[in-house]
Amino acid sequence: QVALVESGGGLVQAGGSLRLSCAASGRTFSRYAMGWFRQAPGKEREFVAAISRSGASTYYPDSVKGRFTISRDNAKNTVNLQMNSLKPEDTAVYYCAATAVPLTQTPHEYPYWGQGTQVTVSS
């Protein structure tokens, strides 16, 4: 099992940047592919980014491709999400998640989730 804790959310103006971090507990972090999701009020949870166990491969939806970058440090048990050129529609609670399934965008394939961190982008 792995426990996840996100940090780094906040309020930013449109066009600005934020860096989210997710710290994982346990010695098995490198066995998991990691993902970031977001959920806005009244909307379904949306896939944002995924990274392979080694960090060599990443996957993004078109909505964030070129603006968001996922990375991981297996020595520090952390995964990060660098968000640039933020838009008001990026406003949501952001969650990191862990899975044994490689580079999946499907939420129900992630058994481990953090508590979420709020990102608010003002126009």
N, C-alpha and C. Protein backbone atom coordinates (compact mmCIF):
# COMPACT_ATOMS: atom_id res chain seq x y z
N GLN A 1 0.83 -1.19 0.00
CA GLN A 1 0.00 0.00 0.00
C GLN A 1 0.87 1.25 0.00
N VAL A 2 0.26 2.36 -0.38
CA VAL A 2 0.96 3.63 -0.38
C VAL A 2 -0.01 4.72 0.05
N ALA A 3 0.45 5.62 0.88
CA ALA A 3 -0.33 6.78 1.30
C ALA A 3 0.20 8.02 0.58
N LEU A 4 -0.72 8.87 0.14
CA LEU A 4 -0.35 10.01 -0.70
C LEU A 4 -0.84 11.31 -0.07
N VAL A 5 0.00 12.34 -0.10
CA VAL A 5 -0.37 13.65 0.43
C VAL A 5 0.04 14.72 -0.58
N GLU A 6 -0.95 15.47 -1.07
CA GLU A 6 -0.69 16.54 -2.03
C GLU A 6 -0.43 17.86 -1.31
N SER A 7 0.30 18.73 -1.99
CA SER A 7 0.53 20.09 -1.51
C SER A 7 0.79 21.00 -2.70
N GLY A 8 0.75 22.31 -2.45
CA GLY A 8 1.12 23.27 -3.48
C GLY A 8 -0.02 23.98 -4.16
N GLY A 9 -1.25 23.64 -3.81
CA GLY A 9 -2.38 24.33 -4.41
C GLY A 9 -2.48 25.77 -3.92
N GLY A 10 -3.37 26.51 -4.55
CA GLY A 10 -3.57 27.90 -4.15
C GLY A 10 -4.32 28.68 -5.18
N LEU A 11 -4.27 30.00 -5.01
CA LEU A 11 -4.95 30.94 -5.91
C LEU A 11 -3.92 31.59 -6.81
N VAL A 12 -4.20 31.60 -8.10
CA VAL A 12 -3.28 32.19 -9.07
C VAL A 12 -4.09 32.87 -10.17
N GLN A 13 -3.53 33.90 -10.75
CA GLN A 13 -4.20 34.58 -11.86
C GLN A 13 -4.03 33.79 -13.15
N ALA A 14 -4.97 33.99 -14.05
CA ALA A 14 -4.86 33.34 -15.36
C ALA A 14 -3.53 33.71 -16.02
N GLY A 15 -2.90 32.69 -16.62
CA GLY A 15 -1.59 32.87 -17.21
C GLY A 15 -0.45 32.55 -16.28
N GLY A 16 -0.74 32.38 -15.02
CA GLY A 16 0.28 32.09 -14.04
C GLY A 16 0.61 30.61 -13.95
N SER A 17 1.45 30.28 -12.97
CA SER A 17 1.95 28.92 -12.80
C SER A 17 1.80 28.46 -11.35
N LEU A 18 1.67 27.16 -11.20
CA LEU A 18 1.69 26.51 -9.89
C LEU A 18 2.41 25.18 -10.04
N ARG A 19 3.02 24.75 -8.95
CA ARG A 19 3.66 23.43 -8.93
C ARG A 19 3.07 22.64 -7.80
N LEU A 20 2.41 21.55 -8.13
CA LEU A 20 1.84 20.65 -7.13
C LEU A 20 2.83 19.53 -6.83
N SER A 21 2.84 19.12 -5.59
CA SER A 21 3.68 17.99 -5.19
C SER A 21 2.83 16.94 -4.50
N CYS A 22 3.28 15.72 -4.60
CA CYS A 22 2.60 14.60 -3.93
C CYS A 22 3.68 13.75 -3.29
N ALA A 23 3.60 13.62 -1.98
CA ALA A 23 4.55 12.81 -1.23
C ALA A 23 3.93 11.46 -0.91
N ALA A 24 4.68 10.41 -1.17
CA ALA A 24 4.19 9.05 -0.95
C ALA A 24 4.94 8.39 0.20
N SER A 25 4.22 7.63 0.98
CA SER A 25 4.84 6.88 2.06
C SER A 25 5.21 5.49 1.57
N GLY A 26 6.06 4.80 2.32
CA GLY A 26 6.38 3.42 2.00
C GLY A 26 7.59 3.26 1.12
N ARG A 27 8.04 2.02 1.01
CA ARG A 27 9.27 1.71 0.27
C ARG A 27 8.99 1.21 -1.13
N THR A 28 7.72 1.20 -1.53
CA THR A 28 7.37 0.59 -2.81
C THR A 28 6.92 1.61 -3.85
N PHE A 29 7.26 2.88 -3.63
CA PHE A 29 6.78 3.95 -4.52
C PHE A 29 7.14 3.66 -5.97
N SER A 30 8.35 3.20 -6.23
CA SER A 30 8.80 2.99 -7.60
C SER A 30 8.08 1.85 -8.31
N ARG A 31 7.28 1.09 -7.59
CA ARG A 31 6.50 0.01 -8.20
C ARG A 31 5.20 0.52 -8.82
N TYR A 32 4.86 1.78 -8.56
CA TYR A 32 3.58 2.32 -9.01
C TYR A 32 3.75 3.36 -10.11
N ALA A 33 2.90 3.26 -11.11
CA ALA A 33 2.69 4.39 -12.00
C ALA A 33 1.86 5.41 -11.24
N MET A 34 2.05 6.67 -11.56
CA MET A 34 1.37 7.74 -10.83
C MET A 34 0.55 8.60 -11.78
N GLY A 35 -0.51 9.13 -11.25
CA GLY A 35 -1.36 9.99 -12.05
C GLY A 35 -1.83 11.20 -11.26
N TRP A 36 -2.21 12.23 -12.00
CA TRP A 36 -2.89 13.39 -11.43
C TRP A 36 -4.28 13.49 -12.08
N PHE A 37 -5.26 13.79 -11.25
CA PHE A 37 -6.63 14.00 -11.70
C PHE A 37 -7.13 15.31 -11.09
N ARG A 38 -8.23 15.79 -11.61
CA ARG A 38 -8.86 16.96 -11.02
C ARG A 38 -10.37 16.81 -11.08
N GLN A 39 -11.01 17.51 -10.16
CA GLN A 39 -12.47 17.48 -10.12
C GLN A 39 -12.99 18.86 -9.75
N ALA A 40 -13.77 19.42 -10.66
CA ALA A 40 -14.43 20.71 -10.41
C ALA A 40 -15.83 20.45 -9.85
N PRO A 41 -16.41 21.41 -9.15
CA PRO A 41 -17.75 21.23 -8.58
C PRO A 41 -18.77 20.84 -9.65
N GLY A 42 -19.52 19.78 -9.39
CA GLY A 42 -20.56 19.36 -10.30
C GLY A 42 -20.07 18.60 -11.51
N LYS A 43 -18.76 18.32 -11.57
CA LYS A 43 -18.21 17.62 -12.73
C LYS A 43 -17.56 16.31 -12.31
N GLU A 44 -17.37 15.41 -13.27
CA GLU A 44 -16.72 14.15 -13.00
C GLU A 44 -15.20 14.36 -12.84
N ARG A 45 -14.58 13.40 -12.18
CA ARG A 45 -13.13 13.46 -12.02
C ARG A 45 -12.48 13.30 -13.39
N GLU A 46 -11.51 14.16 -13.67
CA GLU A 46 -10.90 14.26 -15.00
C GLU A 46 -9.41 13.93 -14.93
N PHE A 47 -8.94 13.11 -15.85
CA PHE A 47 -7.54 12.77 -15.96
C PHE A 47 -6.72 13.97 -16.40
N VAL A 48 -5.56 14.17 -15.76
CA VAL A 48 -4.70 15.32 -16.07
C VAL A 48 -3.33 14.88 -16.59
N ALA A 49 -2.74 13.87 -15.96
CA ALA A 49 -1.41 13.43 -16.37
C ALA A 49 -1.08 12.10 -15.73
N ALA A 50 -0.21 11.34 -16.39
CA ALA A 50 0.28 10.08 -15.82
C ALA A 50 1.76 9.92 -16.15
N ILE A 51 2.45 9.18 -15.28
CA ILE A 51 3.88 8.94 -15.48
C ILE A 51 4.17 7.49 -15.12
N SER A 52 5.06 6.89 -15.89
CA SER A 52 5.41 5.49 -15.67
C SER A 52 6.23 5.32 -14.39
N ARG A 53 6.45 4.08 -14.02
CA ARG A 53 7.18 3.79 -12.77
C ARG A 53 8.59 4.36 -12.79
N SER A 54 9.23 4.30 -13.93
CA SER A 54 10.60 4.82 -14.02
C SER A 54 10.64 6.32 -14.27
N GLY A 55 9.54 6.86 -14.75
CA GLY A 55 9.49 8.27 -15.14
C GLY A 55 9.83 8.50 -16.60
N ALA A 56 10.12 7.44 -17.33
CA ALA A 56 10.55 7.59 -18.73
C ALA A 56 9.40 7.95 -19.65
N SER A 57 8.18 7.59 -19.27
CA SER A 57 7.02 7.83 -20.14
C SER A 57 5.98 8.65 -19.41
N THR A 58 5.36 9.56 -20.15
CA THR A 58 4.29 10.38 -19.61
C THR A 58 3.12 10.42 -20.58
N TYR A 59 1.98 10.85 -20.08
CA TYR A 59 0.76 10.83 -20.90
C TYR A 59 -0.13 11.97 -20.42
N TYR A 60 -0.65 12.76 -21.37
CA TYR A 60 -1.49 13.90 -21.05
C TYR A 60 -2.70 13.94 -21.97
N PRO A 61 -3.81 14.45 -21.49
CA PRO A 61 -4.92 14.72 -22.40
C PRO A 61 -4.65 16.02 -23.17
N ASP A 62 -5.37 16.23 -24.24
CA ASP A 62 -5.17 17.43 -25.06
C ASP A 62 -5.42 18.71 -24.28
N SER A 63 -6.29 18.66 -23.27
CA SER A 63 -6.66 19.86 -22.54
C SER A 63 -5.49 20.49 -21.78
N VAL A 64 -4.47 19.70 -21.45
CA VAL A 64 -3.34 20.24 -20.68
C VAL A 64 -2.00 20.04 -21.38
N LYS A 65 -1.99 19.32 -22.48
CA LYS A 65 -0.74 19.02 -23.18
C LYS A 65 -0.04 20.32 -23.58
N GLY A 66 1.24 20.40 -23.28
CA GLY A 66 2.01 21.59 -23.58
C GLY A 66 2.00 22.63 -22.48
N ARG A 67 1.10 22.49 -21.51
CA ARG A 67 1.01 23.42 -20.38
C ARG A 67 1.42 22.77 -19.07
N PHE A 68 1.09 21.50 -18.91
CA PHE A 68 1.37 20.77 -17.67
C PHE A 68 2.48 19.76 -17.91
N THR A 69 3.31 19.56 -16.88
CA THR A 69 4.38 18.58 -16.94
C THR A 69 4.41 17.77 -15.65
N ILE A 70 4.33 16.45 -15.79
CA ILE A 70 4.42 15.57 -14.64
C ILE A 70 5.85 15.03 -14.55
N SER A 71 6.34 14.91 -13.33
CA SER A 71 7.67 14.35 -13.11
C SER A 71 7.66 13.59 -11.78
N ARG A 72 8.67 12.78 -11.58
CA ARG A 72 8.75 12.04 -10.32
C ARG A 72 10.21 11.88 -9.91
N ASP A 73 10.40 11.71 -8.61
CA ASP A 73 11.71 11.44 -8.04
C ASP A 73 11.55 10.22 -7.14
N ASN A 74 11.97 9.07 -7.64
CA ASN A 74 11.77 7.84 -6.88
C ASN A 74 12.65 7.78 -5.63
N ALA A 75 13.74 8.51 -5.63
CA ALA A 75 14.59 8.54 -4.43
C ALA A 75 13.93 9.30 -3.29
N LYS A 76 13.08 10.28 -3.66
CA LYS A 76 12.40 11.10 -2.65
C LYS A 76 10.93 10.73 -2.49
N ASN A 77 10.47 9.73 -3.23
CA ASN A 77 9.06 9.31 -3.15
C ASN A 77 8.10 10.46 -3.43
N THR A 78 8.40 11.23 -4.47
CA THR A 78 7.54 12.35 -4.80
C THR A 78 7.18 12.35 -6.29
N VAL A 79 6.01 12.89 -6.58
CA VAL A 79 5.59 13.15 -7.94
C VAL A 79 5.08 14.59 -8.00
N ASN A 80 5.44 15.29 -9.04
CA ASN A 80 5.11 16.70 -9.16
C ASN A 80 4.30 16.97 -10.42
N LEU A 81 3.56 18.06 -10.37
CA LEU A 81 2.82 18.52 -11.54
C LEU A 81 3.09 20.01 -11.69
N GLN A 82 3.87 20.35 -12.70
CA GLN A 82 4.13 21.75 -13.02
C GLN A 82 3.05 22.23 -13.97
N MET A 83 2.34 23.27 -13.55
CA MET A 83 1.22 23.79 -14.35
C MET A 83 1.53 25.22 -14.78
N ASN A 84 1.63 25.43 -16.06
CA ASN A 84 1.91 26.75 -16.63
C ASN A 84 0.72 27.22 -17.46
N SER A 85 0.72 28.51 -17.75
CA SER A 85 -0.33 29.11 -18.58
C SER A 85 -1.71 28.69 -18.09
N LEU A 86 -1.92 28.83 -16.80
CA LEU A 86 -3.18 28.37 -16.20
C LEU A 86 -4.36 29.18 -16.69
N LYS A 87 -5.50 28.50 -16.80
CA LYS A 87 -6.73 29.09 -17.26
C LYS A 87 -7.79 28.95 -16.17
N PRO A 88 -8.81 29.81 -16.18
CA PRO A 88 -9.89 29.66 -15.18
C PRO A 88 -10.52 28.27 -15.20
N GLU A 89 -10.58 27.64 -16.36
CA GLU A 89 -11.18 26.30 -16.45
C GLU A 89 -10.29 25.22 -15.83
N ASP A 90 -9.08 25.56 -15.42
CA ASP A 90 -8.24 24.62 -14.68
C ASP A 90 -8.59 24.58 -13.18
N THR A 91 -9.48 25.45 -12.76
CA THR A 91 -9.89 25.48 -11.36
C THR A 91 -10.55 24.16 -10.95
N ALA A 92 -10.03 23.54 -9.90
CA ALA A 92 -10.54 22.25 -9.45
C ALA A 92 -9.75 21.81 -8.22
N VAL A 93 -10.21 20.75 -7.60
CA VAL A 93 -9.41 20.04 -6.62
C VAL A 93 -8.56 19.03 -7.38
N TYR A 94 -7.25 19.06 -7.13
CA TYR A 94 -6.31 18.18 -7.82
C TYR A 94 -5.89 17.04 -6.90
N TYR A 95 -5.91 15.83 -7.44
CA TYR A 95 -5.59 14.63 -6.69
C TYR A 95 -4.43 13.89 -7.36
N CYS A 96 -3.52 13.37 -6.56
CA CYS A 96 -2.57 12.41 -7.10
C CYS A 96 -3.04 11.00 -6.73
N ALA A 97 -2.63 10.05 -7.54
CA ALA A 97 -3.10 8.68 -7.36
C ALA A 97 -2.02 7.71 -7.83
N ALA A 98 -2.07 6.50 -7.29
CA ALA A 98 -1.08 5.47 -7.62
C ALA A 98 -1.77 4.22 -8.14
N THR A 99 -1.11 3.56 -9.09
CA THR A 99 -1.69 2.37 -9.70
C THR A 99 -0.59 1.41 -10.15
N ALA A 100 -0.96 0.14 -10.23
CA ALA A 100 -0.05 -0.85 -10.81
C ALA A 100 -0.25 -0.96 -12.32
N VAL A 101 -1.25 -0.26 -12.85
CA VAL A 101 -1.54 -0.32 -14.29
C VAL A 101 -0.72 0.77 -14.99
N PRO A 102 0.04 0.42 -16.00
CA PRO A 102 0.90 1.42 -16.66
C PRO A 102 0.12 2.49 -17.41
N LEU A 103 0.37 3.77 -17.06
CA LEU A 103 -0.10 4.93 -17.84
C LEU A 103 -1.59 4.86 -18.18
N THR A 104 -2.39 4.60 -17.20
CA THR A 104 -3.82 4.57 -17.44
C THR A 104 -4.44 5.91 -17.09
N GLN A 105 -5.49 6.29 -17.82
CA GLN A 105 -6.22 7.52 -17.54
C GLN A 105 -7.56 7.25 -16.87
N THR A 106 -7.79 6.01 -16.50
CA THR A 106 -9.08 5.60 -15.94
C THR A 106 -9.04 5.66 -14.43
N PRO A 107 -9.86 6.52 -13.81
CA PRO A 107 -9.79 6.68 -12.35
C PRO A 107 -9.96 5.39 -11.57
N HIS A 108 -10.87 4.52 -11.99
CA HIS A 108 -11.13 3.34 -11.16
C HIS A 108 -9.98 2.32 -11.21
N GLU A 109 -8.99 2.56 -12.05
CA GLU A 109 -7.80 1.69 -12.07
C GLU A 109 -6.72 2.18 -11.10
N TYR A 110 -7.02 3.26 -10.38
CA TYR A 110 -6.10 3.78 -9.36
C TYR A 110 -6.67 3.46 -7.99
N PRO A 111 -6.09 2.54 -7.25
CA PRO A 111 -6.63 2.19 -5.93
C PRO A 111 -6.22 3.14 -4.81
N TYR A 112 -5.17 3.94 -5.02
CA TYR A 112 -4.66 4.79 -3.94
C TYR A 112 -4.76 6.25 -4.35
N TRP A 113 -5.33 7.06 -3.45
CA TRP A 113 -5.58 8.47 -3.73
C TRP A 113 -5.16 9.33 -2.55
N GLY A 114 -4.70 10.55 -2.87
CA GLY A 114 -4.49 11.54 -1.84
C GLY A 114 -5.79 12.26 -1.51
N GLN A 115 -5.70 13.22 -0.61
CA GLN A 115 -6.90 13.93 -0.14
C GLN A 115 -7.26 15.11 -1.04
N GLY A 116 -6.35 15.52 -1.90
CA GLY A 116 -6.63 16.59 -2.84
C GLY A 116 -6.11 17.93 -2.37
N THR A 117 -5.83 18.81 -3.34
CA THR A 117 -5.42 20.18 -3.05
C THR A 117 -6.14 21.10 -4.03
N GLN A 118 -6.65 22.22 -3.50
CA GLN A 118 -7.46 23.13 -4.30
C GLN A 118 -6.58 24.04 -5.15
N VAL A 119 -6.92 24.14 -6.42
CA VAL A 119 -6.29 25.09 -7.33
C VAL A 119 -7.39 26.01 -7.86
N THR A 120 -7.21 27.31 -7.68
CA THR A 120 -8.18 28.28 -8.16
C THR A 120 -7.47 29.27 -9.07
N VAL A 121 -7.98 29.39 -10.29
CA VAL A 121 -7.39 30.31 -11.26
C VAL A 121 -8.38 31.43 -11.52
N SER A 122 -8.00 32.64 -11.19
CA SER A 122 -8.88 33.78 -11.38
C SER A 122 -8.66 34.41 -12.75
N SER A 123 -9.74 34.96 -13.28
CA SER A 123 -9.65 35.58 -14.62
C SER A 123 -9.28 37.06 -14.54
